[in-house]
Amino acid sequence: EVSLVESGGGSVQAGGSLRLSCTASGFTFDDADVGWYRRAPGNECELVASISSDGTTSYVDSVKGRFTISQDNAKITVFLQMNMLKTEDTAVYYCVVNPQSCSIIRDDPRYWGQGTQVTVSS
């Protein structure tokens, strides 16, 4: 079965760091773009970072300089290194292959896996 598994979340204090992992099962990210989204009560869907098959990365303004998206050489796992975490980063984080706008995928359960909870306290 083709699936994505997110991991690495947890509870940290503001200013701390976490490294999230998104592991592919049944396929690789060889020719696909991958995005990290987050969902929270006050923000039901936001694309925070993405990486293209050619290595190009992009970030939402609120995480620039703090988050880094990367991929292992085998293209099995995509990472999201999160530094200088803020309370507003609290959310469930998901990875999505071939990311689309939130308006398109927000209400489509086919795009969402288990997610991993990130809680930042002050």
PDB file of N, CA and C in Angstrom:
ATOM      1  N   GLU A   1       0.841  -1.179   0.000  1.00  0.00           N
ATOM      2  CA  GLU A   1       0.000   0.000   0.000  1.00  0.00           C
ATOM      3  C   GLU A   1       0.887   1.244   0.000  1.00  0.00           C
ATOM      4  N   VAL A   2       0.536   2.211  -0.793  1.00  0.00           N
ATOM      5  CA  VAL A   2       1.261   3.467  -0.855  1.00  0.00           C
ATOM      6  C   VAL A   2       0.778   4.365   0.277  1.00  0.00           C
ATOM      7  N   SER A   3       1.717   4.869   1.071  1.00  0.00           N
ATOM      8  CA  SER A   3       1.340   5.714   2.181  1.00  0.00           C
ATOM      9  C   SER A   3       2.507   6.598   2.600  1.00  0.00           C
ATOM     10  N   LEU A   4       2.183   7.619   3.394  1.00  0.00           N
ATOM     11  CA  LEU A   4       3.169   8.499   3.990  1.00  0.00           C
ATOM     12  C   LEU A   4       3.000   8.451   5.497  1.00  0.00           C
ATOM     13  N   VAL A   5       4.113   8.441   6.213  1.00  0.00           N
ATOM     14  CA  VAL A   5       4.080   8.403   7.661  1.00  0.00           C
ATOM     15  C   VAL A   5       4.889   9.564   8.206  1.00  0.00           C
ATOM     16  N   GLU A   6       4.226  10.436   8.965  1.00  0.00           N
ATOM     17  CA  GLU A   6       4.888  11.561   9.605  1.00  0.00           C
ATOM     18  C   GLU A   6       5.297  11.183  11.023  1.00  0.00           C
ATOM     19  N   SER A   7       6.430  11.724  11.456  1.00  0.00           N
ATOM     20  CA  SER A   7       6.900  11.473  12.806  1.00  0.00           C
ATOM     21  C   SER A   7       7.813  12.608  13.236  1.00  0.00           C
ATOM     22  N   GLY A   8       8.173  12.614  14.509  1.00  0.00           N
ATOM     23  CA  GLY A   8       9.123  13.578  15.024  1.00  0.00           C
ATOM     24  C   GLY A   8       8.534  14.716  15.826  1.00  0.00           C
ATOM     25  N   GLY A   9       7.221  14.796  15.897  1.00  0.00           N
ATOM     26  CA  GLY A   9       6.602  15.853  16.667  1.00  0.00           C
ATOM     27  C   GLY A   9       6.773  15.650  18.154  1.00  0.00           C
ATOM     28  N   GLY A  10       6.342  16.635  18.908  1.00  0.00           N
ATOM     29  CA  GLY A  10       6.446  16.574  20.351  1.00  0.00           C
ATOM     30  C   GLY A  10       6.119  17.908  20.971  1.00  0.00           C
ATOM     31  N   SER A  11       6.368  18.006  22.259  1.00  0.00           N
ATOM     32  CA  SER A  11       6.131  19.234  23.010  1.00  0.00           C
ATOM     33  C   SER A  11       7.459  19.888  23.359  1.00  0.00           C
ATOM     34  N   VAL A  12       7.590  21.159  23.012  1.00  0.00           N
ATOM     35  CA  VAL A  12       8.816  21.901  23.280  1.00  0.00           C
ATOM     36  C   VAL A  12       8.464  23.292  23.767  1.00  0.00           C
ATOM     37  N   GLN A  13       9.425  23.932  24.379  1.00  0.00           N
ATOM     38  CA  GLN A  13       9.262  25.321  24.784  1.00  0.00           C
ATOM     39  C   GLN A  13       9.625  26.246  23.638  1.00  0.00           C
ATOM     40  N   ALA A  14       9.060  27.429  23.657  1.00  0.00           N
ATOM     41  CA  ALA A  14       9.381  28.418  22.640  1.00  0.00           C
ATOM     42  C   ALA A  14      10.891  28.610  22.541  1.00  0.00           C
ATOM     43  N   GLY A  15      11.375  28.675  21.314  1.00  0.00           N
ATOM     44  CA  GLY A  15      12.798  28.789  21.076  1.00  0.00           C
ATOM     45  C   GLY A  15      13.478  27.462  20.829  1.00  0.00           C
ATOM     46  N   GLY A  16      12.780  26.373  21.081  1.00  0.00           N
ATOM     47  CA  GLY A  16      13.338  25.052  20.887  1.00  0.00           C
ATOM     48  C   GLY A  16      13.266  24.592  19.445  1.00  0.00           C
ATOM     49  N   SER A  17      13.687  23.344  19.226  1.00  0.00           N
ATOM     50  CA  SER A  17      13.755  22.788  17.882  1.00  0.00           C
ATOM     51  C   SER A  17      13.145  21.401  17.822  1.00  0.00           C
ATOM     52  N   LEU A  18      12.644  21.054  16.652  1.00  0.00           N
ATOM     53  CA  LEU A  18      12.170  19.720  16.354  1.00  0.00           C
ATOM     54  C   LEU A  18      12.525  19.393  14.912  1.00  0.00           C
ATOM     55  N   ARG A  19      12.687  18.117  14.629  1.00  0.00           N
ATOM     56  CA  ARG A  19      12.930  17.664  13.267  1.00  0.00           C
ATOM     57  C   ARG A  19      11.863  16.649  12.894  1.00  0.00           C
ATOM     58  N   LEU A  20      11.020  17.007  11.960  1.00  0.00           N
ATOM     59  CA  LEU A  20       9.961  16.133  11.507  1.00  0.00           C
ATOM     60  C   LEU A  20      10.437  15.283  10.336  1.00  0.00           C
ATOM     61  N   SER A  21       9.900  14.081  10.240  1.00  0.00           N
ATOM     62  CA  SER A  21      10.229  13.185   9.148  1.00  0.00           C
ATOM     63  C   SER A  21       8.956  12.731   8.447  1.00  0.00           C
ATOM     64  N   CYS A  22       9.046  12.595   7.149  1.00  0.00           N
ATOM     65  CA  CYS A  22       7.962  12.068   6.328  1.00  0.00           C
ATOM     66  C   CYS A  22       8.547  10.941   5.505  1.00  0.00           C
ATOM     67  N   THR A  23       8.118   9.722   5.791  1.00  0.00           N
ATOM     68  CA  THR A  23       8.682   8.546   5.147  1.00  0.00           C
ATOM     69  C   THR A  23       7.677   7.927   4.191  1.00  0.00           C
ATOM     70  N   ALA A  24       8.130   7.667   2.983  1.00  0.00           N
ATOM     71  CA  ALA A  24       7.291   7.049   1.968  1.00  0.00           C
ATOM     72  C   ALA A  24       7.313   5.537   2.109  1.00  0.00           C
ATOM     73  N   SER A  25       6.156   4.939   1.943  1.00  0.00           N
ATOM     74  CA  SER A  25       6.031   3.488   1.950  1.00  0.00           C
ATOM     75  C   SER A  25       5.368   3.056   0.655  1.00  0.00           C
ATOM     76  N   GLY A  26       6.044   2.190  -0.087  1.00  0.00           N
ATOM     77  CA  GLY A  26       5.490   1.706  -1.337  1.00  0.00           C
ATOM     78  C   GLY A  26       5.847   2.540  -2.554  1.00  0.00           C
ATOM     79  N   PHE A  27       6.601   3.591  -2.369  1.00  0.00           N
ATOM     80  CA  PHE A  27       7.036   4.444  -3.466  1.00  0.00           C
ATOM     81  C   PHE A  27       8.186   5.312  -2.978  1.00  0.00           C
ATOM     82  N   THR A  28       8.744   6.101  -3.865  1.00  0.00           N
ATOM     83  CA  THR A  28       9.758   7.090  -3.508  1.00  0.00           C
ATOM     84  C   THR A  28       9.308   8.453  -4.000  1.00  0.00           C
ATOM     85  N   PHE A  29      10.025   9.482  -3.546  1.00  0.00           N
ATOM     86  CA  PHE A  29       9.736  10.843  -3.987  1.00  0.00           C
ATOM     87  C   PHE A  29      10.528  11.218  -5.230  1.00  0.00           C
ATOM     88  N   ASP A  30      10.948  10.226  -6.002  1.00  0.00           N
ATOM     89  CA  ASP A  30      11.879  10.423  -7.101  1.00  0.00           C
ATOM     90  C   ASP A  30      11.473  11.538  -8.066  1.00  0.00           C
ATOM     91  N   ASP A  31      10.231  11.571  -8.430  1.00  0.00           N
ATOM     92  CA  ASP A  31       9.778  12.551  -9.414  1.00  0.00           C
ATOM     93  C   ASP A  31       8.540  13.278  -8.905  1.00  0.00           C
ATOM     94  N   ALA A  32       8.627  13.721  -7.670  1.00  0.00           N
ATOM     95  CA  ALA A  32       7.473  14.367  -7.060  1.00  0.00           C
ATOM     96  C   ALA A  32       7.899  15.519  -6.167  1.00  0.00           C
ATOM     97  N   ASP A  33       7.045  16.508  -6.085  1.00  0.00           N
ATOM     98  CA  ASP A  33       7.212  17.576  -5.112  1.00  0.00           C
ATOM     99  C   ASP A  33       6.569  17.143  -3.800  1.00  0.00           C
ATOM    100  N   VAL A  34       7.099  17.617  -2.694  1.00  0.00           N
ATOM    101  CA  VAL A  34       6.572  17.271  -1.384  1.00  0.00           C
ATOM    102  C   VAL A  34       6.394  18.536  -0.566  1.00  0.00           C
ATOM    103  N   GLY A  35       5.268  18.644   0.107  1.00  0.00           N
ATOM    104  CA  GLY A  35       5.005  19.798   0.944  1.00  0.00           C
ATOM    105  C   GLY A  35       4.685  19.397   2.367  1.00  0.00           C
ATOM    106  N   TRP A  36       5.070  20.255   3.294  1.00  0.00           N
ATOM    107  CA  TRP A  36       4.655  20.142   4.687  1.00  0.00           C
ATOM    108  C   TRP A  36       3.550  21.157   4.946  1.00  0.00           C
ATOM    109  N   TYR A  37       2.433  20.668   5.434  1.00  0.00           N
ATOM    110  CA  TYR A  37       1.305  21.496   5.819  1.00  0.00           C
ATOM    111  C   TYR A  37       1.115  21.431   7.324  1.00  0.00           C
ATOM    112  N   ARG A  38       0.423  22.410   7.850  1.00  0.00           N
ATOM    113  CA  ARG A  38       0.014  22.331   9.245  1.00  0.00           C
ATOM    114  C   ARG A  38      -1.444  22.719   9.378  1.00  0.00           C
ATOM    115  N   ARG A  39      -2.098  22.104  10.350  1.00  0.00           N
ATOM    116  CA  ARG A  39      -3.499  22.357  10.619  1.00  0.00           C
ATOM    117  C   ARG A  39      -3.675  22.599  12.105  1.00  0.00           C
ATOM    118  N   ALA A  40      -4.403  23.654  12.424  1.00  0.00           N
ATOM    119  CA  ALA A  40      -4.636  24.051  13.799  1.00  0.00           C
ATOM    120  C   ALA A  40      -6.025  24.650  13.912  1.00  0.00           C
ATOM    121  N   PRO A  41      -6.565  24.739  15.125  1.00  0.00           N
ATOM    122  CA  PRO A  41      -7.909  25.310  15.293  1.00  0.00           C
ATOM    123  C   PRO A  41      -8.075  26.692  14.674  1.00  0.00           C
ATOM    124  N   GLY A  42      -7.068  27.528  14.771  1.00  0.00           N
ATOM    125  CA  GLY A  42      -7.149  28.868  14.215  1.00  0.00           C
ATOM    126  C   GLY A  42      -6.633  28.993  12.796  1.00  0.00           C
ATOM    127  N   ASN A  43      -6.166  27.889  12.245  1.00  0.00           N
ATOM    128  CA  ASN A  43      -5.624  27.877  10.884  1.00  0.00           C
ATOM    129  C   ASN A  43      -5.796  26.469  10.340  1.00  0.00           C
ATOM    130  N   GLU A  44      -6.891  26.248   9.665  1.00  0.00           N
ATOM    131  CA  GLU A  44      -7.275  24.891   9.296  1.00  0.00           C
ATOM    132  C   GLU A  44      -6.372  24.259   8.251  1.00  0.00           C
ATOM    133  N   CYS A  45      -5.603  25.050   7.544  1.00  0.00           N
ATOM    134  CA  CYS A  45      -4.683  24.492   6.560  1.00  0.00           C
ATOM    135  C   CYS A  45      -3.709  25.565   6.106  1.00  0.00           C
ATOM    136  N   GLU A  46      -2.419  25.251   6.162  1.00  0.00           N
ATOM    137  CA  GLU A  46      -1.396  26.167   5.684  1.00  0.00           C
ATOM    138  C   GLU A  46      -0.217  25.365   5.151  1.00  0.00           C
ATOM    139  N   LEU A  47       0.190  25.663   3.941  1.00  0.00           N
ATOM    140  CA  LEU A  47       1.400  25.069   3.385  1.00  0.00           C
ATOM    141  C   LEU A  47       2.589  25.859   3.909  1.00  0.00           C
ATOM    142  N   VAL A  48       3.450  25.208   4.678  1.00  0.00           N
ATOM    143  CA  VAL A  48       4.549  25.922   5.316  1.00  0.00           C
ATOM    144  C   VAL A  48       5.867  25.771   4.578  1.00  0.00           C
ATOM    145  N   ALA A  49       6.063  24.667   3.871  1.00  0.00           N
ATOM    146  CA  ALA A  49       7.315  24.440   3.157  1.00  0.00           C
ATOM    147  C   ALA A  49       7.113  23.389   2.086  1.00  0.00           C
ATOM    148  N   SER A  50       7.871  23.479   1.017  1.00  0.00           N
ATOM    149  CA  SER A  50       7.811  22.477  -0.037  1.00  0.00           C
ATOM    150  C   SER A  50       9.180  22.309  -0.672  1.00  0.00           C
ATOM    151  N   ILE A  51       9.381  21.140  -1.259  1.00  0.00           N
ATOM    152  CA  ILE A  51      10.613  20.855  -1.977  1.00  0.00           C
ATOM    153  C   ILE A  51      10.249  20.173  -3.279  1.00  0.00           C
ATOM    154  N   SER A  52      10.828  20.643  -4.371  1.00  0.00           N
ATOM    155  CA  SER A  52      10.569  20.091  -5.685  1.00  0.00           C
ATOM    156  C   SER A  52      11.536  18.959  -5.980  1.00  0.00           C
ATOM    157  N   SER A  53      11.227  18.191  -7.014  1.00  0.00           N
ATOM    158  CA  SER A  53      12.079  17.067  -7.383  1.00  0.00           C
ATOM    159  C   SER A  53      13.477  17.508  -7.784  1.00  0.00           C
ATOM    160  N   ASP A  54      13.617  18.759  -8.224  1.00  0.00           N
ATOM    161  CA  ASP A  54      14.936  19.276  -8.578  1.00  0.00           C
ATOM    162  C   ASP A  54      15.654  19.920  -7.397  1.00  0.00           C
ATOM    163  N   GLY A  55      15.062  19.869  -6.219  1.00  0.00           N
ATOM    164  CA  GLY A  55      15.679  20.395  -5.017  1.00  0.00           C
ATOM    165  C   GLY A  55      15.281  21.799  -4.641  1.00  0.00           C
ATOM    166  N   THR A  56      14.482  22.451  -5.449  1.00  0.00           N
ATOM    167  CA  THR A  56      14.040  23.803  -5.146  1.00  0.00           C
ATOM    168  C   THR A  56      13.118  23.809  -3.936  1.00  0.00           C
ATOM    169  N   THR A  57      13.348  24.724  -3.023  1.00  0.00           N
ATOM    170  CA  THR A  57      12.548  24.809  -1.810  1.00  0.00           C
ATOM    171  C   THR A  57      11.808  26.136  -1.737  1.00  0.00           C
ATOM    172  N   SER A  58      10.716  26.139  -1.006  1.00  0.00           N
ATOM    173  CA  SER A  58       9.967  27.357  -0.773  1.00  0.00           C
ATOM    174  C   SER A  58       9.338  27.298   0.609  1.00  0.00           C
ATOM    175  N   TYR A  59       9.062  28.476   1.181  1.00  0.00           N
ATOM    176  CA  TYR A  59       8.551  28.564   2.536  1.00  0.00           C
ATOM    177  C   TYR A  59       7.536  29.687   2.646  1.00  0.00           C
ATOM    178  N   VAL A  60       6.585  29.498   3.531  1.00  0.00           N
ATOM    179  CA  VAL A  60       5.692  30.584   3.858  1.00  0.00           C
ATOM    180  C   VAL A  60       6.486  31.620   4.663  1.00  0.00           C
ATOM    181  N   ASP A  61       6.136  32.888   4.510  1.00  0.00           N
ATOM    182  CA  ASP A  61       6.930  33.955   5.112  1.00  0.00           C
ATOM    183  C   ASP A  61       7.137  33.776   6.613  1.00  0.00           C
ATOM    184  N   SER A  62       6.150  33.281   7.308  1.00  0.00           N
ATOM    185  CA  SER A  62       6.219  33.194   8.757  1.00  0.00           C
ATOM    186  C   SER A  62       7.270  32.212   9.275  1.00  0.00           C
ATOM    187  N   VAL A  63       7.772  31.316   8.431  1.00  0.00           N
ATOM    188  CA  VAL A  63       8.766  30.339   8.877  1.00  0.00           C
ATOM    189  C   VAL A  63      10.115  30.523   8.212  1.00  0.00           C
ATOM    190  N   LYS A  64      10.237  31.463   7.310  1.00  0.00           N
ATOM    191  CA  LYS A  64      11.513  31.691   6.632  1.00  0.00           C
ATOM    192  C   LYS A  64      12.598  32.040   7.639  1.00  0.00           C
ATOM    193  N   GLY A  65      13.744  31.408   7.483  1.00  0.00           N
ATOM    194  CA  GLY A  65      14.843  31.608   8.404  1.00  0.00           C
ATOM    195  C   GLY A  65      14.803  30.720   9.617  1.00  0.00           C
ATOM    196  N   ARG A  66      13.685  30.024   9.823  1.00  0.00           N
ATOM    197  CA  ARG A  66      13.551  29.146  10.976  1.00  0.00           C
ATOM    198  C   ARG A  66      13.390  27.681  10.582  1.00  0.00           C
ATOM    199  N   PHE A  67      12.687  27.416   9.484  1.00  0.00           N
ATOM    200  CA  PHE A  67      12.419  26.054   9.045  1.00  0.00           C
ATOM    201  C   PHE A  67      13.250  25.727   7.808  1.00  0.00           C
ATOM    202  N   THR A  68      13.647  24.461   7.690  1.00  0.00           N
ATOM    203  CA  THR A  68      14.369  23.991   6.520  1.00  0.00           C
ATOM    204  C   THR A  68      13.807  22.648   6.088  1.00  0.00           C
ATOM    205  N   ILE A  69      13.414  22.545   4.832  1.00  0.00           N
ATOM    206  CA  ILE A  69      12.931  21.289   4.285  1.00  0.00           C
ATOM    207  C   ILE A  69      14.055  20.647   3.484  1.00  0.00           C
ATOM    208  N   SER A  70      14.194  19.338   3.595  1.00  0.00           N
ATOM    209  CA  SER A  70      15.252  18.623   2.897  1.00  0.00           C
ATOM    210  C   SER A  70      14.802  17.205   2.613  1.00  0.00           C
ATOM    211  N   GLN A  71      15.613  16.489   1.851  1.00  0.00           N
ATOM    212  CA  GLN A  71      15.270  15.142   1.425  1.00  0.00           C
ATOM    213  C   GLN A  71      16.511  14.270   1.456  1.00  0.00           C
ATOM    214  N   ASP A  72      16.365  13.004   1.847  1.00  0.00           N
ATOM    215  CA  ASP A  72      17.506  12.113   1.850  1.00  0.00           C
ATOM    216  C   ASP A  72      17.831  11.684   0.422  1.00  0.00           C
ATOM    217  N   ASN A  73      19.043  11.157   0.237  1.00  0.00           N
ATOM    218  CA  ASN A  73      19.503  10.819  -1.107  1.00  0.00           C
ATOM    219  C   ASN A  73      18.689   9.707  -1.758  1.00  0.00           C
ATOM    220  N   ALA A  74      18.169   8.813  -0.958  1.00  0.00           N
ATOM    221  CA  ALA A  74      17.359   7.723  -1.481  1.00  0.00           C
ATOM    222  C   ALA A  74      15.945   8.162  -1.819  1.00  0.00           C
ATOM    223  N   LYS A  75      15.601   9.373  -1.461  1.00  0.00           N
ATOM    224  CA  LYS A  75      14.268   9.935  -1.685  1.00  0.00           C
ATOM    225  C   LYS A  75      13.183   9.068  -1.071  1.00  0.00           C
ATOM    226  N   ILE A  76      13.483   8.599   0.127  1.00  0.00           N
ATOM    227  CA  ILE A  76      12.528   7.851   0.923  1.00  0.00           C
ATOM    228  C   ILE A  76      11.912   8.736   1.997  1.00  0.00           C
ATOM    229  N   THR A  77      12.692   9.702   2.468  1.00  0.00           N
ATOM    230  CA  THR A  77      12.260  10.534   3.583  1.00  0.00           C
ATOM    231  C   THR A  77      12.462  12.010   3.275  1.00  0.00           C
ATOM    232  N   VAL A  78      11.471  12.810   3.621  1.00  0.00           N
ATOM    233  CA  VAL A  78      11.567  14.264   3.570  1.00  0.00           C
ATOM    234  C   VAL A  78      11.534  14.780   4.998  1.00  0.00           C
ATOM    235  N   PHE A  79      12.396  15.733   5.301  1.00  0.00           N
ATOM    236  CA  PHE A  79      12.523  16.258   6.651  1.00  0.00           C
ATOM    237  C   PHE A  79      12.059  17.707   6.716  1.00  0.00           C
ATOM    238  N   LEU A  80      11.664  18.109   7.887  1.00  0.00           N
ATOM    239  CA  LEU A  80      11.401  19.508   8.173  1.00  0.00           C
ATOM    240  C   LEU A  80      12.092  19.849   9.485  1.00  0.00           C
ATOM    241  N   GLN A  81      13.213  20.543   9.385  1.00  0.00           N
ATOM    242  CA  GLN A  81      13.924  21.009  10.562  1.00  0.00           C
ATOM    243  C   GLN A  81      13.300  22.319  11.010  1.00  0.00           C
ATOM    244  N   MET A  82      12.830  22.360  12.233  1.00  0.00           N
ATOM    245  CA  MET A  82      12.146  23.526  12.762  1.00  0.00           C
ATOM    246  C   MET A  82      12.949  24.069  13.937  1.00  0.00           C
ATOM    247  N   ASN A  83      13.475  25.263  13.770  1.00  0.00           N
ATOM    248  CA  ASN A  83      14.244  25.927  14.811  1.00  0.00           C
ATOM    249  C   ASN A  83      13.517  27.181  15.272  1.00  0.00           C
ATOM    250  N   MET A  84      13.920  27.667  16.431  1.00  0.00           N
ATOM    251  CA  MET A  84      13.333  28.884  16.985  1.00  0.00           C
ATOM    252  C   MET A  84      11.813  28.827  16.962  1.00  0.00           C
ATOM    253  N   LEU A  85      11.295  27.731  17.458  1.00  0.00           N
ATOM    254  CA  LEU A  85       9.857  27.511  17.419  1.00  0.00           C
ATOM    255  C   LEU A  85       9.106  28.543  18.250  1.00  0.00           C
ATOM    256  N   LYS A  86       7.945  28.912  17.759  1.00  0.00           N
ATOM    257  CA  LYS A  86       7.068  29.870  18.413  1.00  0.00           C
ATOM    258  C   LYS A  86       5.756  29.197  18.768  1.00  0.00           C
ATOM    259  N   THR A  87       5.038  29.773  19.703  1.00  0.00           N
ATOM    260  CA  THR A  87       3.766  29.188  20.107  1.00  0.00           C
ATOM    261  C   THR A  87       2.800  29.089  18.934  1.00  0.00           C
ATOM    262  N   GLU A  88       2.874  30.021  18.009  1.00  0.00           N
ATOM    263  CA  GLU A  88       1.981  29.987  16.865  1.00  0.00           C
ATOM    264  C   GLU A  88       2.305  28.883  15.870  1.00  0.00           C
ATOM    265  N   ASP A  89       3.415  28.175  16.077  1.00  0.00           N
ATOM    266  CA  ASP A  89       3.741  27.017  15.259  1.00  0.00           C
ATOM    267  C   ASP A  89       2.999  25.766  15.724  1.00  0.00           C
ATOM    268  N   THR A  90       2.324  25.848  16.847  1.00  0.00           N
ATOM    269  CA  THR A  90       1.578  24.709  17.360  1.00  0.00           C
ATOM    270  C   THR A  90       0.525  24.266  16.354  1.00  0.00           C
ATOM    271  N   ALA A  91       0.577  22.999  15.970  1.00  0.00           N
ATOM    272  CA  ALA A  91      -0.331  22.472  14.962  1.00  0.00           C
ATOM    273  C   ALA A  91      -0.034  20.998  14.762  1.00  0.00           C
ATOM    274  N   VAL A  92      -0.888  20.349  13.997  1.00  0.00           N
ATOM    275  CA  VAL A  92      -0.584  19.023  13.493  1.00  0.00           C
ATOM    276  C   VAL A  92       0.044  19.197  12.121  1.00  0.00           C
ATOM    277  N   TYR A  93       1.188  18.589  11.912  1.00  0.00           N
ATOM    278  CA  TYR A  93       1.929  18.739  10.670  1.00  0.00           C
ATOM    279  C   TYR A  93       1.774  17.500   9.801  1.00  0.00           C
ATOM    280  N   TYR A  94       1.558  17.722   8.511  1.00  0.00           N
ATOM    281  CA  TYR A  94       1.340  16.660   7.545  1.00  0.00           C
ATOM    282  C   TYR A  94       2.250  16.861   6.343  1.00  0.00           C
ATOM    283  N   CYS A  95       2.669  15.764   5.728  1.00  0.00           N
ATOM    284  CA  CYS A  95       3.350  15.870   4.449  1.00  0.00           C
ATOM    285  C   CYS A  95       2.416  15.404   3.348  1.00  0.00           C
ATOM    286  N   VAL A  96       2.547  16.031   2.195  1.00  0.00           N
ATOM    287  CA  VAL A  96       1.664  15.773   1.065  1.00  0.00           C
ATOM    288  C   VAL A  96       2.501  15.732  -0.201  1.00  0.00           C
ATOM    289  N   VAL A  97       2.280  14.727  -1.025  1.00  0.00           N
ATOM    290  CA  VAL A  97       2.964  14.620  -2.309  1.00  0.00           C
ATOM    291  C   VAL A  97       2.256  15.502  -3.331  1.00  0.00           C
ATOM    292  N   ASN A  98       3.044  16.156  -4.148  1.00  0.00           N
ATOM    293  CA  ASN A  98       2.502  17.080  -5.152  1.00  0.00           C
ATOM    294  C   ASN A  98       1.538  18.070  -4.515  1.00  0.00           C
ATOM    295  N   PRO A  99       2.051  18.919  -3.644  1.00  0.00           N
ATOM    296  CA  PRO A  99       1.193  19.822  -2.872  1.00  0.00           C
ATOM    297  C   PRO A  99       0.357  20.747  -3.739  1.00  0.00           C
ATOM    298  N   GLN A 100      -0.869  20.927  -3.307  1.00  0.00           N
ATOM    299  CA  GLN A 100      -1.815  21.822  -3.948  1.00  0.00           C
ATOM    300  C   GLN A 100      -2.239  22.891  -2.950  1.00  0.00           C
ATOM    301  N   SER A 101      -2.968  23.876  -3.417  1.00  0.00           N
ATOM    302  CA  SER A 101      -3.431  24.912  -2.520  1.00  0.00           C
ATOM    303  C   SER A 101      -4.385  24.323  -1.488  1.00  0.00           C
ATOM    304  N   CYS A 102      -4.433  24.954  -0.322  1.00  0.00           N
ATOM    305  CA  CYS A 102      -5.308  24.471   0.740  1.00  0.00           C
ATOM    306  C   CYS A 102      -6.766  24.488   0.320  1.00  0.00           C
ATOM    307  N   SER A 103      -7.140  25.426  -0.511  1.00  0.00           N
ATOM    308  CA  SER A 103      -8.524  25.503  -0.949  1.00  0.00           C
ATOM    309  C   SER A 103      -8.945  24.252  -1.706  1.00  0.00           C
ATOM    310  N   ILE A 104      -7.992  23.582  -2.320  1.00  0.00           N
ATOM    311  CA  ILE A 104      -8.282  22.381  -3.090  1.00  0.00           C
ATOM    312  C   ILE A 104      -8.282  21.133  -2.224  1.00  0.00           C
ATOM    313  N   ILE A 105      -7.302  21.001  -1.339  1.00  0.00           N
ATOM    314  CA  ILE A 105      -7.105  19.744  -0.625  1.00  0.00           C
ATOM    315  C   ILE A 105      -7.615  19.740   0.804  1.00  0.00           C
ATOM    316  N   ARG A 106      -7.953  20.888   1.352  1.00  0.00           N
ATOM    317  CA  ARG A 106      -8.293  20.982   2.773  1.00  0.00           C
ATOM    318  C   ARG A 106      -9.359  19.987   3.199  1.00  0.00           C
ATOM    319  N   ASP A 107     -10.380  19.837   2.410  1.00  0.00           N
ATOM    320  CA  ASP A 107     -11.516  18.997   2.768  1.00  0.00           C
ATOM    321  C   ASP A 107     -11.504  17.642   2.077  1.00  0.00           C
ATOM    322  N   ASP A 108     -10.382  17.265   1.474  1.00  0.00           N
ATOM    323  CA  ASP A 108     -10.259  15.984   0.789  1.00  0.00           C
ATOM    324  C   ASP A 108      -9.416  15.049   1.632  1.00  0.00           C
ATOM    325  N   PRO A 109     -10.024  14.057   2.282  1.00  0.00           N
ATOM    326  CA  PRO A 109      -9.280  13.190   3.199  1.00  0.00           C
ATOM    327  C   PRO A 109      -8.199  12.353   2.540  1.00  0.00           C
ATOM    328  N   ARG A 110      -8.238  12.215   1.220  1.00  0.00           N
ATOM    329  CA  ARG A 110      -7.231  11.419   0.537  1.00  0.00           C
ATOM    330  C   ARG A 110      -5.831  11.996   0.676  1.00  0.00           C
ATOM    331  N   TYR A 111      -5.707  13.282   0.967  1.00  0.00           N
ATOM    332  CA  TYR A 111      -4.410  13.938   1.045  1.00  0.00           C
ATOM    333  C   TYR A 111      -3.764  13.852   2.426  1.00  0.00           C
ATOM    334  N   TRP A 112      -4.531  13.475   3.422  1.00  0.00           N
ATOM    335  CA  TRP A 112      -4.053  13.602   4.795  1.00  0.00           C
ATOM    336  C   TRP A 112      -3.763  12.257   5.441  1.00  0.00           C
ATOM    337  N   GLY A 113      -2.564  12.141   6.014  1.00  0.00           N
ATOM    338  CA  GLY A 113      -2.178  10.944   6.734  1.00  0.00           C
ATOM    339  C   GLY A 113      -2.421  11.103   8.214  1.00  0.00           C
ATOM    340  N   GLN A 114      -1.565  10.470   9.023  1.00  0.00           N
ATOM    341  CA  GLN A 114      -1.743  10.535  10.469  1.00  0.00           C
ATOM    342  C   GLN A 114      -1.341  11.884  11.047  1.00  0.00           C
ATOM    343  N   GLY A 115      -0.398  12.545  10.411  1.00  0.00           N
ATOM    344  CA  GLY A 115       0.130  13.786  10.940  1.00  0.00           C
ATOM    345  C   GLY A 115       0.971  13.560  12.181  1.00  0.00           C
ATOM    346  N   THR A 116       1.676  14.608  12.593  1.00  0.00           N
ATOM    347  CA  THR A 116       2.439  14.546  13.834  1.00  0.00           C
ATOM    348  C   THR A 116       2.237  15.860  14.583  1.00  0.00           C
ATOM    349  N   GLN A 117       1.910  15.759  15.855  1.00  0.00           N
ATOM    350  CA  GLN A 117       1.553  16.917  16.664  1.00  0.00           C
ATOM    351  C   GLN A 117       2.791  17.663  17.124  1.00  0.00           C
ATOM    352  N   VAL A 118       2.783  18.965  16.914  1.00  0.00           N
ATOM    353  CA  VAL A 118       3.819  19.856  17.427  1.00  0.00           C
ATOM    354  C   VAL A 118       3.158  20.831  18.376  1.00  0.00           C
ATOM    355  N   THR A 119       3.619  20.854  19.611  1.00  0.00           N
ATOM    356  CA  THR A 119       3.080  21.757  20.613  1.00  0.00           C
ATOM    357  C   THR A 119       4.214  22.599  21.178  1.00  0.00           C
ATOM    358  N   VAL A 120       4.078  23.913  21.054  1.00  0.00           N
ATOM    359  CA  VAL A 120       5.100  24.837  21.523  1.00  0.00           C
ATOM    360  C   VAL A 120       4.507  25.665  22.656  1.00  0.00           C
ATOM    361  N   SER A 121       5.127  25.611  23.805  1.00  0.00           N
ATOM    362  CA  SER A 121       4.644  26.329  24.971  1.00  0.00           C
ATOM    363  C   SER A 121       5.606  27.447  25.346  1.00  0.00           C
ATOM    364  N   SER A 122       5.078  28.413  26.081  1.00  0.00           N
ATOM    365  CA  SER A 122       5.879  29.554  26.509  1.00  0.00           C
ATOM    366  C   SER A 122       5.963  29.612  28.015  1.00  0.00           C
TER     367      SER A 122
END
